[in-house]
Amino acid sequence: MLEVGISSNQLMPLPRWETPPTRKDPAYRFQDDRYTLGAHAMVYSTLVTGLWFFQLLYRADWPWLKPFVTAWTAVLTINAAWVLLVARYPGFSPLKKAQNEGGAPDKTATSGNSKS
């Protein structure tokens, strides 16, 4: 077996929780809500495109397909709006977390070049 010398953890480290994960933890809820939304979107896209494909392939007349897809699209849109726009996680900020992990610099920090 050929070894490259880079482990998979060096490419993309897996998140580790200090405590057992629970829905009471805002950071865990934040990640869980987004993973669930992603899974919902993947199942939606797989099934909807598959149903439309087979309807076209067999030249079938499925009158239930359009209302089914419309309803599921509405549910997915509501789910996305809730997770991305409405849901709040007290005590957790994804922006602060990214900054602490070497992301964008903290804008509230003062630099030595300030004119004040």
Protein backbone atom coordinates (compact mmCIF):
# COMPACT_ATOMS: atom_id res chain seq x y z
CA MET A 1 0.00 0.00 0.00
CA LEU A 2 1.33 3.42 -0.95
CA GLU A 3 1.60 6.00 1.82
CA VAL A 4 1.59 9.68 0.98
CA GLY A 5 2.68 10.87 4.39
CA ILE A 6 -0.42 12.97 5.16
CA SER A 7 -3.10 11.63 7.43
CA SER A 8 -6.74 12.42 6.81
CA ASN A 9 -6.87 14.42 10.06
CA GLN A 10 -4.23 16.81 8.72
CA LEU A 11 -6.34 17.56 5.66
CA MET A 12 -9.58 18.21 7.51
CA PRO A 13 -9.63 17.67 11.25
CA LEU A 14 -12.76 16.14 12.66
CA PRO A 15 -14.58 18.20 15.29
CA ARG A 16 -14.24 16.89 18.82
CA TRP A 17 -16.66 17.70 21.63
CA GLU A 18 -15.24 18.18 25.11
CA THR A 19 -18.41 16.74 26.64
CA PRO A 20 -20.93 14.20 25.37
CA PRO A 21 -23.04 15.97 22.71
CA THR A 22 -26.48 17.11 23.80
CA ARG A 23 -29.16 19.32 22.27
CA LYS A 24 -28.74 21.69 25.23
CA ASP A 25 -25.29 22.66 23.91
CA PRO A 26 -25.74 25.62 21.49
CA ALA A 27 -22.66 24.73 19.41
CA TYR A 28 -23.93 21.17 18.95
CA ARG A 29 -27.44 22.41 18.05
CA PHE A 30 -25.93 24.80 15.50
CA GLN A 31 -24.04 21.99 13.76
CA ASP A 32 -26.88 19.47 14.10
CA ASP A 33 -29.44 21.85 12.56
CA ARG A 34 -27.20 22.50 9.57
CA TYR A 35 -26.37 18.83 9.04
CA THR A 36 -30.07 17.97 9.22
CA LEU A 37 -30.89 20.70 6.70
CA GLY A 38 -28.17 19.37 4.39
CA ALA A 39 -29.50 15.82 4.65
CA HIS A 40 -33.03 17.08 3.99
CA ALA A 41 -31.86 18.94 0.87
CA MET A 42 -29.95 15.88 -0.42
CA VAL A 43 -32.91 13.53 0.01
CA TYR A 44 -35.21 16.12 -1.59
CA SER A 45 -33.00 16.63 -4.62
CA THR A 46 -32.40 12.91 -5.10
CA LEU A 47 -36.04 11.89 -4.93
CA VAL A 48 -37.51 14.84 -6.82
CA THR A 49 -35.10 14.60 -9.72
CA GLY A 50 -35.54 10.82 -9.78
CA LEU A 51 -39.33 11.09 -9.87
CA TRP A 52 -39.26 13.68 -12.66
CA PHE A 53 -36.73 11.58 -14.59
CA PHE A 54 -38.85 8.43 -14.45
CA GLN A 55 -42.00 10.35 -15.27
CA LEU A 56 -40.32 11.64 -18.43
CA LEU A 57 -38.68 8.28 -19.20
CA TYR A 58 -41.94 6.33 -19.03
CA ARG A 59 -44.03 9.21 -20.41
CA ALA A 60 -46.24 8.68 -17.37
CA ASP A 61 -49.04 10.96 -16.30
CA TRP A 62 -48.61 11.35 -12.56
CA PRO A 63 -51.03 14.06 -11.44
CA TRP A 64 -49.81 13.77 -7.84
CA LEU A 65 -46.22 14.65 -8.70
CA LYS A 66 -46.55 18.42 -9.09
CA PRO A 67 -48.45 18.99 -5.78
CA PHE A 68 -46.07 16.60 -4.02
CA VAL A 69 -42.98 18.46 -5.25
CA THR A 70 -44.57 21.85 -4.52
CA ALA A 71 -45.43 20.85 -0.95
CA TRP A 72 -42.00 19.37 -0.30
CA THR A 73 -40.32 22.46 -1.76
CA ALA A 74 -42.35 24.62 0.62
CA VAL A 75 -41.36 22.45 3.60
CA LEU A 76 -37.67 22.56 2.59
CA THR A 77 -37.83 26.34 2.14
CA ILE A 78 -39.40 26.79 5.58
CA ASN A 79 -36.78 24.49 7.10
CA ALA A 80 -33.95 26.45 5.45
CA ALA A 81 -35.42 29.80 6.48
CA TRP A 82 -35.74 28.61 10.07
CA VAL A 83 -32.23 27.18 10.32
CA LEU A 84 -30.45 29.97 8.46
CA LEU A 85 -32.46 33.05 9.46
CA VAL A 86 -34.56 32.46 12.57
CA ALA A 87 -32.81 29.95 14.84
CA ARG A 88 -30.70 31.48 17.59
CA TYR A 89 -28.12 29.72 19.69
CA PRO A 90 -27.57 31.64 22.95
CA GLY A 91 -23.98 31.62 24.05
CA PHE A 92 -22.62 30.53 20.65
CA SER A 93 -21.46 32.62 17.72
CA PRO A 94 -20.10 30.87 14.61
CA LEU A 95 -18.19 34.05 13.69
CA LYS A 96 -16.34 34.14 17.02
CA LYS A 97 -15.59 30.43 16.68
CA ALA A 98 -14.06 30.94 13.21
CA GLN A 99 -11.93 33.80 14.49
CA ASN A 100 -10.64 31.72 17.41
CA GLU A 101 -9.66 28.95 14.99
CA GLY A 102 -7.58 31.25 12.79
CA GLY A 103 -10.33 32.57 10.52
CA ALA A 104 -10.92 36.23 9.78
CA PRO A 105 -9.26 38.67 12.18
CA ASP A 106 -11.30 40.05 15.05
CA LYS A 107 -12.54 43.54 14.10
CA THR A 108 -13.00 44.52 17.72
CA ALA A 109 -9.31 44.04 18.50
CA THR A 110 -7.25 47.20 18.51
CA SER A 111 -4.09 47.40 16.51
CA GLY A 112 -0.94 49.39 17.26
CA ASN A 113 -1.66 51.67 14.28
CA SER A 114 -4.87 53.21 15.60
CA LYS A 115 -5.18 57.01 15.52
CA SER A 116 -7.17 57.35 18.72
